[in-house]
Amino acid sequence: MTTPLPPPPAPPKIPTGRELYDAMMNHFEPELTTAMAPTLAEKYKNESVEDKAARMSRYELAFERCDKAYNEYMETLDTQVTRYQREAFAHAEMSDRQQDEGFLDHLSTLFKTAA
């Protein structure tokens, strides 16, 4: 009698590009999220040159931080995908082995009853 297989591994959750960008950028500079970016021209239409330069510096820093967070996220995701591939392959091997064992048990039973 074979033991039941555990369920196959779940693939890693991968957000859409927009979801990922917004989640990261919301942490660093909420004004640069996809929902807020279209409102910036109106919000800052009367901004002074000095204030705009300061805001652009703030935005540049936010993009640098977001890029770093993205690279770290991609490293983590790569690790998760590699683990998923390994676990999915192991699950497929176990399933295949279990099917083979069941077939071999069936053949063994046939030979015993034929003898």
N, C-alpha and C. Protein backbone atom coordinates (compact mmCIF):
# COMPACT_ATOMS: atom_id res chain seq x y z
N MET A 1 0.85 -1.19 0.00
CA MET A 1 0.00 0.00 0.00
C MET A 1 0.90 1.25 0.00
N THR A 2 0.59 2.14 -0.86
CA THR A 2 1.40 3.35 -0.98
C THR A 2 0.86 4.45 -0.08
N THR A 3 1.77 5.27 0.36
CA THR A 3 1.35 6.41 1.18
C THR A 3 0.97 7.55 0.27
N PRO A 4 -0.01 8.34 0.67
CA PRO A 4 -0.43 9.45 -0.20
C PRO A 4 0.67 10.50 -0.31
N LEU A 5 0.78 11.07 -1.49
CA LEU A 5 1.77 12.13 -1.72
C LEU A 5 1.28 13.43 -1.10
N PRO A 6 2.20 14.22 -0.59
CA PRO A 6 1.81 15.56 -0.17
C PRO A 6 1.44 16.38 -1.41
N PRO A 7 0.73 17.44 -1.24
CA PRO A 7 0.38 18.25 -2.41
C PRO A 7 1.63 18.86 -3.03
N PRO A 8 1.57 19.17 -4.33
CA PRO A 8 2.74 19.79 -4.95
C PRO A 8 3.02 21.15 -4.34
N PRO A 9 4.25 21.62 -4.43
CA PRO A 9 4.57 22.92 -3.84
C PRO A 9 3.85 24.05 -4.58
N ALA A 10 3.56 25.10 -3.84
CA ALA A 10 2.92 26.27 -4.45
C ALA A 10 4.00 27.16 -5.05
N PRO A 11 3.74 27.68 -6.25
CA PRO A 11 4.74 28.57 -6.83
C PRO A 11 4.82 29.87 -6.04
N PRO A 12 5.94 30.58 -6.13
CA PRO A 12 6.05 31.85 -5.41
C PRO A 12 5.05 32.87 -5.96
N LYS A 13 4.58 33.72 -5.08
CA LYS A 13 3.66 34.79 -5.50
C LYS A 13 4.48 35.87 -6.19
N ILE A 14 4.08 36.23 -7.39
CA ILE A 14 4.80 37.25 -8.14
C ILE A 14 3.82 38.37 -8.49
N PRO A 15 4.05 39.56 -7.93
CA PRO A 15 3.14 40.67 -8.24
C PRO A 15 3.37 41.18 -9.66
N THR A 16 2.40 41.93 -10.17
CA THR A 16 2.60 42.58 -11.46
C THR A 16 3.67 43.66 -11.30
N GLY A 17 4.19 44.13 -12.39
CA GLY A 17 5.19 45.19 -12.35
C GLY A 17 4.66 46.44 -11.66
N ARG A 18 3.43 46.80 -11.97
CA ARG A 18 2.82 47.99 -11.36
C ARG A 18 2.65 47.79 -9.85
N GLU A 19 2.17 46.62 -9.45
CA GLU A 19 1.99 46.35 -8.02
C GLU A 19 3.32 46.43 -7.27
N LEU A 20 4.34 45.85 -7.87
CA LEU A 20 5.67 45.86 -7.24
C LEU A 20 6.21 47.28 -7.15
N TYR A 21 6.15 48.00 -8.26
CA TYR A 21 6.65 49.38 -8.26
C TYR A 21 5.91 50.23 -7.23
N ASP A 22 4.58 50.16 -7.23
CA ASP A 22 3.81 50.98 -6.29
C ASP A 22 4.09 50.61 -4.84
N ALA A 23 4.22 49.32 -4.57
CA ALA A 23 4.51 48.90 -3.19
C ALA A 23 5.86 49.43 -2.74
N MET A 24 6.84 49.36 -3.60
CA MET A 24 8.17 49.84 -3.23
C MET A 24 8.22 51.36 -3.16
N MET A 25 7.69 52.00 -4.21
CA MET A 25 7.78 53.46 -4.25
C MET A 25 6.93 54.09 -3.16
N ASN A 26 5.84 53.48 -2.80
CA ASN A 26 5.00 54.02 -1.72
C ASN A 26 5.79 54.11 -0.43
N HIS A 27 6.73 53.22 -0.27
CA HIS A 27 7.58 53.22 0.93
C HIS A 27 8.59 54.37 0.90
N PHE A 28 9.09 54.70 -0.29
CA PHE A 28 10.13 55.72 -0.40
C PHE A 28 9.61 57.12 -0.73
N GLU A 29 8.67 57.20 -1.67
CA GLU A 29 8.14 58.51 -2.09
C GLU A 29 6.75 58.30 -2.69
N PRO A 30 5.71 58.39 -1.84
CA PRO A 30 4.34 58.12 -2.30
C PRO A 30 3.90 58.97 -3.49
N GLU A 31 4.49 60.14 -3.65
CA GLU A 31 4.10 60.99 -4.79
C GLU A 31 4.46 60.36 -6.13
N LEU A 32 5.38 59.42 -6.13
CA LEU A 32 5.83 58.82 -7.39
C LEU A 32 5.13 57.50 -7.72
N THR A 33 4.11 57.15 -6.97
CA THR A 33 3.34 55.96 -7.31
C THR A 33 2.53 56.23 -8.57
N THR A 34 2.08 55.20 -9.21
CA THR A 34 1.35 55.37 -10.47
C THR A 34 0.04 56.13 -10.29
N ALA A 35 -0.54 56.04 -9.13
CA ALA A 35 -1.80 56.77 -8.88
C ALA A 35 -1.55 58.27 -8.67
N MET A 36 -0.43 58.59 -8.05
CA MET A 36 -0.16 59.99 -7.70
C MET A 36 0.59 60.76 -8.79
N ALA A 37 1.41 60.10 -9.57
CA ALA A 37 2.24 60.78 -10.56
C ALA A 37 1.46 61.70 -11.50
N PRO A 38 0.28 61.32 -11.98
CA PRO A 38 -0.46 62.21 -12.89
C PRO A 38 -0.93 63.52 -12.22
N THR A 39 -0.95 63.56 -10.92
CA THR A 39 -1.44 64.76 -10.22
C THR A 39 -0.33 65.76 -9.91
N LEU A 40 0.90 65.39 -10.16
CA LEU A 40 2.03 66.23 -9.74
C LEU A 40 2.13 67.54 -10.50
N ALA A 41 1.85 67.56 -11.78
CA ALA A 41 1.95 68.80 -12.56
C ALA A 41 1.04 69.86 -11.99
N GLU A 42 -0.16 69.48 -11.67
CA GLU A 42 -1.12 70.45 -11.10
C GLU A 42 -0.70 70.85 -9.69
N LYS A 43 -0.28 69.89 -8.92
CA LYS A 43 0.09 70.16 -7.53
C LYS A 43 1.27 71.13 -7.43
N TYR A 44 2.22 71.03 -8.35
CA TYR A 44 3.44 71.83 -8.25
C TYR A 44 3.54 72.89 -9.36
N LYS A 45 2.43 73.29 -9.94
CA LYS A 45 2.50 74.24 -11.06
C LYS A 45 3.09 75.59 -10.67
N ASN A 46 2.95 76.02 -9.44
CA ASN A 46 3.48 77.32 -8.99
C ASN A 46 4.73 77.17 -8.12
N GLU A 47 5.39 76.07 -8.23
CA GLU A 47 6.56 75.78 -7.40
C GLU A 47 7.76 76.63 -7.85
N SER A 48 8.53 77.09 -6.89
CA SER A 48 9.73 77.87 -7.21
C SER A 48 10.82 76.95 -7.76
N VAL A 49 11.78 77.54 -8.43
CA VAL A 49 12.90 76.78 -9.00
C VAL A 49 13.67 76.05 -7.90
N GLU A 50 13.88 76.72 -6.77
CA GLU A 50 14.62 76.10 -5.67
C GLU A 50 13.85 74.92 -5.08
N ASP A 51 12.55 75.11 -4.91
CA ASP A 51 11.73 74.01 -4.37
C ASP A 51 11.69 72.83 -5.33
N LYS A 52 11.63 73.15 -6.64
CA LYS A 52 11.61 72.07 -7.63
C LYS A 52 12.93 71.29 -7.61
N ALA A 53 14.04 72.00 -7.48
CA ALA A 53 15.34 71.34 -7.41
C ALA A 53 15.42 70.43 -6.19
N ALA A 54 14.91 70.89 -5.06
CA ALA A 54 14.91 70.08 -3.84
C ALA A 54 14.01 68.85 -4.03
N ARG A 55 12.87 69.04 -4.67
CA ARG A 55 11.95 67.92 -4.90
C ARG A 55 12.58 66.90 -5.86
N MET A 56 13.24 67.38 -6.88
CA MET A 56 13.89 66.48 -7.84
C MET A 56 15.00 65.68 -7.16
N SER A 57 15.72 66.32 -6.25
CA SER A 57 16.75 65.60 -5.47
C SER A 57 16.10 64.51 -4.62
N ARG A 58 14.97 64.85 -4.02
CA ARG A 58 14.23 63.88 -3.20
C ARG A 58 13.76 62.72 -4.06
N TYR A 59 13.27 63.03 -5.25
CA TYR A 59 12.80 61.99 -6.17
C TYR A 59 13.96 61.11 -6.62
N GLU A 60 15.09 61.71 -6.92
CA GLU A 60 16.26 60.95 -7.35
C GLU A 60 16.68 59.95 -6.27
N LEU A 61 16.69 60.41 -5.04
CA LEU A 61 17.03 59.52 -3.92
C LEU A 61 16.00 58.40 -3.80
N ALA A 62 14.74 58.73 -3.98
CA ALA A 62 13.69 57.71 -3.91
C ALA A 62 13.88 56.65 -4.99
N PHE A 63 14.21 57.08 -6.20
CA PHE A 63 14.44 56.12 -7.29
C PHE A 63 15.67 55.25 -7.01
N GLU A 64 16.72 55.82 -6.46
CA GLU A 64 17.90 55.03 -6.10
C GLU A 64 17.54 53.97 -5.06
N ARG A 65 16.80 54.38 -4.05
CA ARG A 65 16.39 53.43 -3.01
C ARG A 65 15.46 52.36 -3.57
N CYS A 66 14.57 52.78 -4.45
CA CYS A 66 13.65 51.83 -5.06
C CYS A 66 14.41 50.82 -5.92
N ASP A 67 15.39 51.30 -6.67
CA ASP A 67 16.21 50.39 -7.48
C ASP A 67 16.93 49.36 -6.59
N LYS A 68 17.46 49.82 -5.48
CA LYS A 68 18.15 48.91 -4.57
C LYS A 68 17.17 47.88 -4.00
N ALA A 69 16.00 48.35 -3.58
CA ALA A 69 14.99 47.43 -3.05
C ALA A 69 14.54 46.44 -4.12
N TYR A 70 14.43 46.90 -5.36
CA TYR A 70 14.03 46.02 -6.46
C TYR A 70 15.08 44.92 -6.66
N ASN A 71 16.35 45.30 -6.68
CA ASN A 71 17.41 44.31 -6.86
C ASN A 71 17.41 43.28 -5.73
N GLU A 72 17.19 43.73 -4.50
CA GLU A 72 17.10 42.81 -3.37
C GLU A 72 15.90 41.89 -3.52
N TYR A 73 14.77 42.45 -3.96
CA TYR A 73 13.56 41.65 -4.17
C TYR A 73 13.82 40.58 -5.24
N MET A 74 14.48 40.97 -6.32
CA MET A 74 14.73 40.02 -7.40
C MET A 74 15.67 38.89 -6.95
N GLU A 75 16.63 39.20 -6.10
CA GLU A 75 17.49 38.15 -5.55
C GLU A 75 16.68 37.17 -4.72
N THR A 76 15.79 37.70 -3.90
CA THR A 76 14.92 36.86 -3.07
C THR A 76 13.99 36.02 -3.95
N LEU A 77 13.42 36.65 -4.96
CA LEU A 77 12.52 35.93 -5.87
C LEU A 77 13.28 34.83 -6.61
N ASP A 78 14.48 35.11 -7.04
CA ASP A 78 15.29 34.09 -7.72
C ASP A 78 15.51 32.88 -6.81
N THR A 79 15.79 33.14 -5.54
CA THR A 79 15.97 32.06 -4.56
C THR A 79 14.67 31.27 -4.41
N GLN A 80 13.54 31.98 -4.33
CA GLN A 80 12.25 31.30 -4.19
C GLN A 80 11.92 30.46 -5.42
N VAL A 81 12.20 30.97 -6.60
CA VAL A 81 11.92 30.23 -7.84
C VAL A 81 12.81 28.99 -7.92
N THR A 82 14.07 29.13 -7.57
CA THR A 82 14.99 27.98 -7.58
C THR A 82 14.50 26.91 -6.61
N ARG A 83 14.09 27.33 -5.41
CA ARG A 83 13.57 26.37 -4.43
C ARG A 83 12.30 25.71 -4.97
N TYR A 84 11.41 26.50 -5.58
CA TYR A 84 10.18 25.94 -6.14
C TYR A 84 10.49 24.91 -7.22
N GLN A 85 11.44 25.22 -8.10
CA GLN A 85 11.81 24.28 -9.16
C GLN A 85 12.31 22.97 -8.56
N ARG A 86 13.17 23.08 -7.57
CA ARG A 86 13.73 21.89 -6.91
C ARG A 86 12.62 21.06 -6.26
N GLU A 87 11.71 21.74 -5.53
CA GLU A 87 10.63 21.03 -4.84
C GLU A 87 9.62 20.43 -5.83
N ALA A 88 9.33 21.14 -6.91
CA ALA A 88 8.39 20.63 -7.92
C ALA A 88 8.97 19.40 -8.61
N PHE A 89 10.26 19.45 -8.91
CA PHE A 89 10.91 18.30 -9.54
C PHE A 89 10.91 17.11 -8.59
N ALA A 90 11.22 17.35 -7.32
CA ALA A 90 11.22 16.27 -6.33
C ALA A 90 9.82 15.67 -6.20
N HIS A 91 8.80 16.52 -6.23
CA HIS A 91 7.42 16.03 -6.13
C HIS A 91 7.08 15.17 -7.35
N ALA A 92 7.49 15.62 -8.53
CA ALA A 92 7.23 14.85 -9.75
C ALA A 92 7.95 13.51 -9.69
N GLU A 93 9.18 13.49 -9.20
CA GLU A 93 9.92 12.23 -9.07
C GLU A 93 9.21 11.28 -8.10
N MET A 94 8.76 11.82 -6.96
CA MET A 94 8.06 10.98 -5.98
C MET A 94 6.78 10.41 -6.59
N SER A 95 6.06 11.23 -7.32
CA SER A 95 4.81 10.78 -7.94
C SER A 95 5.09 9.69 -8.95
N ASP A 96 6.10 9.91 -9.77
CA ASP A 96 6.47 8.92 -10.79
C ASP A 96 6.93 7.61 -10.13
N ARG A 97 7.74 7.72 -9.09
CA ARG A 97 8.23 6.54 -8.37
C ARG A 97 7.04 5.77 -7.77
N GLN A 98 6.10 6.52 -7.20
CA GLN A 98 4.95 5.87 -6.58
C GLN A 98 4.12 5.14 -7.64
N GLN A 99 3.96 5.72 -8.81
CA GLN A 99 3.23 5.05 -9.89
C GLN A 99 3.96 3.79 -10.33
N ASP A 100 5.29 3.91 -10.46
CA ASP A 100 6.08 2.73 -10.86
C ASP A 100 5.97 1.62 -9.83
N GLU A 101 6.05 1.97 -8.56
CA GLU A 101 5.95 0.96 -7.50
C GLU A 101 4.59 0.29 -7.52
N GLY A 102 3.54 1.07 -7.77
CA GLY A 102 2.21 0.49 -7.85
C GLY A 102 2.10 -0.49 -9.00
N PHE A 103 2.68 -0.14 -10.15
CA PHE A 103 2.66 -1.02 -11.30
C PHE A 103 3.46 -2.29 -11.03
N LEU A 104 4.64 -2.13 -10.41
CA LEU A 104 5.47 -3.29 -10.08
C LEU A 104 4.77 -4.20 -9.07
N ASP A 105 4.10 -3.61 -8.09
CA ASP A 105 3.33 -4.42 -7.13
C ASP A 105 2.24 -5.20 -7.85
N HIS A 106 1.58 -4.56 -8.80
CA HIS A 106 0.53 -5.22 -9.57
C HIS A 106 1.11 -6.39 -10.38
N LEU A 107 2.25 -6.18 -11.04
CA LEU A 107 2.90 -7.26 -11.79
C LEU A 107 3.31 -8.40 -10.86
N SER A 108 3.84 -8.07 -9.72
CA SER A 108 4.26 -9.09 -8.75
C SER A 108 3.06 -9.94 -8.34
N THR A 109 1.94 -9.28 -8.10
CA THR A 109 0.71 -10.00 -7.71
C THR A 109 0.27 -10.94 -8.85
N LEU A 110 0.36 -10.47 -10.10
CA LEU A 110 -0.02 -11.29 -11.24
C LEU A 110 0.87 -12.52 -11.36
N PHE A 111 2.18 -12.34 -11.14
CA PHE A 111 3.09 -13.49 -11.23
C PHE A 111 2.83 -14.48 -10.11
N LYS A 112 2.50 -13.98 -8.92
CA LYS A 112 2.24 -14.89 -7.80
C LYS A 112 0.99 -15.69 -8.02
N THR A 113 -0.06 -15.09 -8.57
CA THR A 113 -1.30 -15.80 -8.80
C THR A 113 -1.18 -16.74 -10.01
N ALA A 114 -0.27 -16.46 -10.93
CA ALA A 114 -0.09 -17.32 -12.11
C ALA A 114 0.73 -18.57 -11.75
N ALA A 115 1.52 -18.49 -10.71
CA ALA A 115 2.40 -19.62 -10.36
C ALA A 115 1.71 -20.70 -9.60
